[in-house]
C-alpha atoms as a PDB file:
ATOM      1  CA  MET A   1      -2.159-126.064 230.560  1.00  0.00           C
ATOM      2  CA  TYR A   2      -4.174-122.769 231.093  1.00  0.00           C
ATOM      3  CA  HIS A   3      -1.641-121.454 232.964  1.00  0.00           C
ATOM      4  CA  ASN A   4       1.095-122.001 230.542  1.00  0.00           C
ATOM      5  CA  VAL A   5      -0.733-120.392 227.970  1.00  0.00           C
ATOM      6  CA  ILE A   6      -1.618-117.319 229.959  1.00  0.00           C
ATOM      7  CA  PHE A   7       2.242-117.309 230.713  1.00  0.00           C
ATOM      8  CA  ALA A   8       2.808-117.582 227.094  1.00  0.00           C
ATOM      9  CA  GLY A   9       1.043-114.393 226.450  1.00  0.00           C
ATOM     10  CA  VAL A  10      -2.194-115.252 225.062  1.00  0.00           C
ATOM     11  CA  ASP A  11      -5.222-113.242 226.009  1.00  0.00           C
ATOM     12  CA  ASP A  12      -7.397-115.326 228.059  1.00  0.00           C
ATOM     13  CA  THR A  13     -10.642-113.775 226.852  1.00  0.00           C
ATOM     14  CA  LEU A  14      -9.583-115.461 223.608  1.00  0.00           C
ATOM     15  CA  LEU A  15      -8.843-118.730 225.136  1.00  0.00           C
ATOM     16  CA  SER A  16     -11.376-121.678 225.277  1.00  0.00           C
ATOM     17  CA  LEU A  17      -9.914-125.243 226.434  1.00  0.00           C
ATOM     18  CA  ALA A  18     -12.020-128.269 225.889  1.00  0.00           C
ATOM     19  CA  TYR A  19     -11.742-132.140 225.851  1.00  0.00           C
ATOM     20  CA  GLU A  20     -11.445-133.441 222.261  1.00  0.00           C
ATOM     21  CA  PRO A  21     -15.221-134.675 221.991  1.00  0.00           C
ATOM     22  CA  GLU A  22     -16.482-131.492 223.462  1.00  0.00           C
ATOM     23  CA  ALA A  23     -14.506-129.629 220.832  1.00  0.00           C
ATOM     24  CA  ALA A  24     -15.868-131.819 218.013  1.00  0.00           C
ATOM     25  CA  ALA A  25     -19.385-131.207 219.404  1.00  0.00           C
ATOM     26  CA  LYS A  26     -18.949-127.512 219.253  1.00  0.00           C
ATOM     27  CA  TYR A  27     -17.859-127.922 215.792  1.00  0.00           C
ATOM     28  CA  CYS A  28     -20.716-129.976 215.024  1.00  0.00           C
ATOM     29  CA  ARG A  29     -23.218-127.531 216.413  1.00  0.00           C
ATOM     30  CA  ASP A  30     -21.808-124.512 214.337  1.00  0.00           C
ATOM     31  CA  ILE A  31     -20.880-125.953 211.004  1.00  0.00           C
ATOM     32  CA  ILE A  32     -23.438-126.026 208.198  1.00  0.00           C
ATOM     33  CA  ILE A  33     -24.157-129.591 208.014  1.00  0.00           C
ATOM     34  CA  GLN A  34     -27.674-130.096 206.743  1.00  0.00           C
ATOM     35  CA  LYS A  35     -29.808-129.261 203.802  1.00  0.00           C
ATOM     36  CA  LYS A  36     -33.194-128.227 204.589  1.00  0.00           C
ATOM     37  CA  ALA A  37     -36.301-128.195 202.457  1.00  0.00           C
ATOM     38  CA  ASP A  38     -38.676-125.251 202.704  1.00  0.00           C
ATOM     39  CA  GLY A  39     -41.177-126.130 199.966  1.00  0.00           C
ATOM     40  CA  LYS A  40     -39.232-126.217 196.662  1.00  0.00           C
ATOM     41  CA  ASP A  41     -36.395-124.338 198.140  1.00  0.00           C
ATOM     42  CA  TYR A  42     -33.391-125.758 199.867  1.00  0.00           C
ATOM     43  CA  SER A  43     -30.826-123.850 202.133  1.00  0.00           C
ATOM     44  CA  MET A  44     -27.975-125.062 204.089  1.00  0.00           C
ATOM     45  CA  ALA A  45     -28.092-124.671 207.920  1.00  0.00           C
ATOM     46  CA  SER A  46     -26.465-125.794 211.321  1.00  0.00           C
ATOM     47  CA  LEU A  47     -28.333-127.929 213.753  1.00  0.00           C
ATOM     48  CA  ASP A  48     -31.530-126.370 215.436  1.00  0.00           C
ATOM     49  CA  LEU A  49     -32.434-125.950 218.825  1.00  0.00           C
ATOM     50  CA  GLY A  50     -33.348-129.322 220.667  1.00  0.00           C
ATOM     51  CA  GLU A  51     -31.596-131.379 217.921  1.00  0.00           C
ATOM     52  CA  LYS A  52     -29.351-134.317 219.366  1.00  0.00           C
ATOM     53  CA  PHE A  53     -26.492-135.636 217.698  1.00  0.00           C
ATOM     54  CA  LEU A  54     -23.230-138.219 218.198  1.00  0.00           C
ATOM     55  CA  VAL A  55     -19.867-137.658 218.322  1.00  0.00           C
ATOM     56  CA  LEU A  56     -17.610-140.583 217.507  1.00  0.00           C
ATOM     57  CA  ASP A  57     -13.981-140.037 217.908  1.00  0.00           C
ATOM     58  CA  CYS A  58     -12.306-142.847 216.173  1.00  0.00           C
ATOM     59  CA  GLY A  59      -8.603-142.452 216.833  1.00  0.00           C
ATOM     60  CA  GLY A  60      -5.626-144.914 216.464  1.00  0.00           C
ATOM     61  CA  GLY A  61      -6.149-146.679 220.078  1.00  0.00           C
ATOM     62  CA  THR A  62      -9.659-145.684 220.995  1.00  0.00           C
ATOM     63  CA  VAL A  63     -13.375-145.341 219.797  1.00  0.00           C
ATOM     64  CA  ASP A  64     -15.071-142.877 221.981  1.00  0.00           C
ATOM     65  CA  ILE A  65     -18.825-142.110 221.774  1.00  0.00           C
ATOM     66  CA  THR A  66     -20.957-139.562 223.212  1.00  0.00           C
ATOM     67  CA  GLY A  67     -24.094-137.543 222.603  1.00  0.00           C
ATOM     68  CA  TYR A  68     -25.033-134.027 222.964  1.00  0.00           C
ATOM     69  CA  LYS A  69     -28.369-131.882 222.673  1.00  0.00           C
ATOM     70  CA  ILE A  70     -28.704-128.285 221.603  1.00  0.00           C
ATOM     71  CA  GLU A  71     -30.536-126.220 223.950  1.00  0.00           C
ATOM     72  CA  GLU A  72     -31.490-122.581 224.372  1.00  0.00           C
ATOM     73  CA  GLY A  73     -28.497-120.051 224.095  1.00  0.00           C
ATOM     74  CA  ASN A  74     -26.812-122.485 221.820  1.00  0.00           C
ATOM     75  CA  LYS A  75     -25.722-124.599 224.890  1.00  0.00           C
ATOM     76  CA  LEU A  76     -24.353-128.215 224.479  1.00  0.00           C
ATOM     77  CA  ILE A  77     -25.823-130.549 227.070  1.00  0.00           C
ATOM     78  CA  GLU A  78     -24.221-133.781 227.164  1.00  0.00           C
ATOM     79  CA  LEU A  79     -26.776-136.609 226.922  1.00  0.00           C
ATOM     80  CA  PHE A  80     -24.456-139.423 228.195  1.00  0.00           C
ATOM     81  CA  PRO A  81     -20.982-139.703 229.468  1.00  0.00           C
ATOM     82  CA  LEU A  82     -18.208-140.460 226.924  1.00  0.00           C
ATOM     83  CA  SER A  83     -17.626-143.998 226.672  1.00  0.00           C
ATOM     84  CA  GLY A  84     -15.713-146.264 224.395  1.00  0.00           C
ATOM     85  CA  GLY A  85     -12.598-148.390 224.417  1.00  0.00           C
ATOM     86  CA  PRO A  86      -9.691-150.003 222.719  1.00  0.00           C
ATOM     87  CA  ARG A  87     -11.220-150.719 219.531  1.00  0.00           C
ATOM     88  CA  GLY A  88      -9.150-147.871 217.274  1.00  0.00           C
ATOM     89  CA  GLY A  89      -7.207-148.401 214.310  1.00  0.00           C
ATOM     90  CA  THR A  90      -4.248-149.834 215.810  1.00  0.00           C
ATOM     91  CA  GLU A  91      -6.377-152.457 217.309  1.00  0.00           C
ATOM     92  CA  VAL A  92      -8.176-153.334 213.714  1.00  0.00           C
ATOM     93  CA  ASP A  93      -4.405-153.545 212.374  1.00  0.00           C
ATOM     94  CA  LYS A  94      -3.272-155.999 215.147  1.00  0.00           C
ATOM     95  CA  GLN A  95      -6.774-158.109 214.432  1.00  0.00           C
ATOM     96  CA  PHE A  96      -5.793-158.136 210.764  1.00  0.00           C
ATOM     97  CA  GLN A  97      -2.315-159.657 211.528  1.00  0.00           C
ATOM     98  CA  ILE A  98      -3.670-162.030 213.727  1.00  0.00           C
ATOM     99  CA  LEU A  99      -6.177-163.083 210.871  1.00  0.00           C
ATOM    100  CA  ILE A 100      -3.100-163.384 208.675  1.00  0.00           C
ATOM    101  CA  VAL A 101      -1.233-165.623 211.029  1.00  0.00           C
ATOM    102  CA  GLU A 102      -4.136-167.851 211.419  1.00  0.00           C
ATOM    103  CA  ILE A 103      -4.512-168.342 207.509  1.00  0.00           C
ATOM    104  CA  ASN A 104      -0.793-168.858 206.962  1.00  0.00           C
ATOM    105  CA  GLY A 105       0.862-169.779 210.551  1.00  0.00           C
ATOM    106  CA  GLU A 106       3.025-167.695 212.615  1.00  0.00           C
ATOM    107  CA  ASP A 107       6.340-168.805 211.650  1.00  0.00           C
ATOM    108  CA  VAL A 108       5.452-167.904 207.884  1.00  0.00           C
ATOM    109  CA  TRP A 109       4.295-164.610 208.932  1.00  0.00           C
ATOM    110  CA  ARG A 110       7.479-163.722 211.194  1.00  0.00           C
ATOM    111  CA  LYS A 111       9.607-164.966 208.301  1.00  0.00           C
ATOM    112  CA  PHE A 112       8.060-162.844 205.763  1.00  0.00           C
ATOM    113  CA  GLU A 113       8.043-159.864 208.094  1.00  0.00           C
ATOM    114  CA  LYS A 114      11.945-160.214 208.555  1.00  0.00           C
ATOM    115  CA  SER A 115      13.120-161.536 205.024  1.00  0.00           C
ATOM    116  CA  SER A 116      10.946-159.168 203.174  1.00  0.00           C
ATOM    117  CA  MET A 117      10.414-156.344 205.313  1.00  0.00           C
ATOM    118  CA  HIS A 118       9.623-153.832 202.417  1.00  0.00           C
ATOM    119  CA  ASP A 119       7.046-156.086 201.306  1.00  0.00           C
ATOM    120  CA  SER A 120       5.501-156.577 204.691  1.00  0.00           C
ATOM    121  CA  LEU A 121       5.304-152.888 205.422  1.00  0.00           C
ATOM    122  CA  LYS A 122       3.714-152.414 201.838  1.00  0.00           C
ATOM    123  CA  PHE A 123       1.045-155.017 202.404  1.00  0.00           C
ATOM    124  CA  MET A 124       0.110-153.443 205.889  1.00  0.00           C
ATOM    125  CA  ARG A 125       0.086-149.998 204.149  1.00  0.00           C
ATOM    126  CA  ARG A 126      -2.183-151.298 201.515  1.00  0.00           C
ATOM    127  CA  PHE A 127      -4.518-152.546 204.559  1.00  0.00           C
ATOM    128  CA  GLU A 128      -4.254-149.323 206.138  1.00  0.00           C
ATOM    129  CA  GLY A 129      -5.205-147.185 203.057  1.00  0.00           C
ATOM    130  CA  ARG A 130      -8.085-149.619 202.323  1.00  0.00           C
ATOM    131  CA  LYS A 131      -9.518-149.514 205.856  1.00  0.00           C
ATOM    132  CA  LYS A 132      -9.868-145.876 205.614  1.00  0.00           C
ATOM    133  CA  VAL A 133     -12.040-145.497 202.477  1.00  0.00           C
ATOM    134  CA  PHE A 134     -15.180-147.312 202.697  1.00  0.00           C
ATOM    135  CA  ASP A 135     -18.832-146.324 202.314  1.00  0.00           C
ATOM    136  CA  GLU A 136     -22.294-148.020 202.640  1.00  0.00           C
ATOM    137  CA  ASN A 137     -22.077-149.377 198.661  1.00  0.00           C
ATOM    138  CA  ASP A 138     -18.979-151.075 199.444  1.00  0.00           C
ATOM    139  CA  GLU A 139     -19.144-154.896 198.737  1.00  0.00           C
ATOM    140  CA  ASP A 140     -18.728-157.359 201.761  1.00  0.00           C
ATOM    141  CA  LYS A 141     -15.366-158.480 200.391  1.00  0.00           C
ATOM    142  CA  VAL A 142     -12.445-156.112 200.369  1.00  0.00           C
ATOM    143  CA  LYS A 143      -9.516-156.606 198.133  1.00  0.00           C
ATOM    144  CA  ILE A 144      -6.048-155.814 199.159  1.00  0.00           C
ATOM    145  CA  GLN A 145      -2.943-156.017 196.794  1.00  0.00           C
ATOM    146  CA  CYS A 146      -0.861-158.660 198.163  1.00  0.00           C
ATOM    147  CA  PRO A 147       2.858-158.832 197.800  1.00  0.00           C
ATOM    148  CA  GLU A 148       4.116-160.092 194.095  1.00  0.00           C
ATOM    149  CA  ILE A 149       3.439-163.798 193.116  1.00  0.00           C
ATOM    150  CA  SER A 150       7.070-164.740 193.956  1.00  0.00           C
ATOM    151  CA  THR A 151       6.810-163.431 197.488  1.00  0.00           C
ATOM    152  CA  ILE A 152       3.636-165.076 198.150  1.00  0.00           C
ATOM    153  CA  LYS A 153       4.788-168.499 196.945  1.00  0.00           C
ATOM    154  CA  LYS A 154       7.953-168.282 198.911  1.00  0.00           C
ATOM    155  CA  TYR A 155       6.335-167.373 202.296  1.00  0.00           C
ATOM    156  CA  PHE A 156       2.444-167.525 202.340  1.00  0.00           C
ATOM    157  CA  ASN A 157      -0.253-170.335 201.956  1.00  0.00           C
ATOM    158  CA  SER A 158      -1.925-169.399 198.730  1.00  0.00           C
ATOM    159  CA  ASN A 159      -5.242-168.857 200.488  1.00  0.00           C
ATOM    160  CA  ILE A 160      -4.223-165.229 201.436  1.00  0.00           C
ATOM    161  CA  CYS A 161      -4.797-163.774 198.222  1.00  0.00           C
ATOM    162  CA  LEU A 162      -7.326-164.812 195.616  1.00  0.00           C
ATOM    163  CA  ARG A 163      -6.346-162.260 193.214  1.00  0.00           C
ATOM    164  CA  THR A 164      -3.401-160.084 192.791  1.00  0.00           C
ATOM    165  CA  VAL A 165      -3.528-156.480 191.518  1.00  0.00           C
END
């Protein structure tokens, strides 16, 4: 990759290549992310020398985790090697579909997917949207708008949706 960039005419003094977790760590090191109290005054600052932090890269296919420490000269020291596995968003989608199949039966889900493709895609898009927006104040139960009542009655066991919106 480096050679291709140089061949394209990019000045190598302006070039820095890094793996995604390292690039994220450099961003975390430099961005102003914490509020610091000094008596009654507050200021925003980046991470200090000696501070440690985690980088969690939650992608579509995998979730990767690594830790860093900021040392003298603003250097990043990797505290432990990158680890993680296939637990990304697509795996969550797959497990959700497995749950839906367990509740309603595979034949019902497949028939619904084939006969009402628009509704099945809309249902999964709603799930996708809901899984991306959550916080510590969320309830244990998550509500996802289900297909129209007529579609549910036609294909799904009534247990799938306790409430339609």
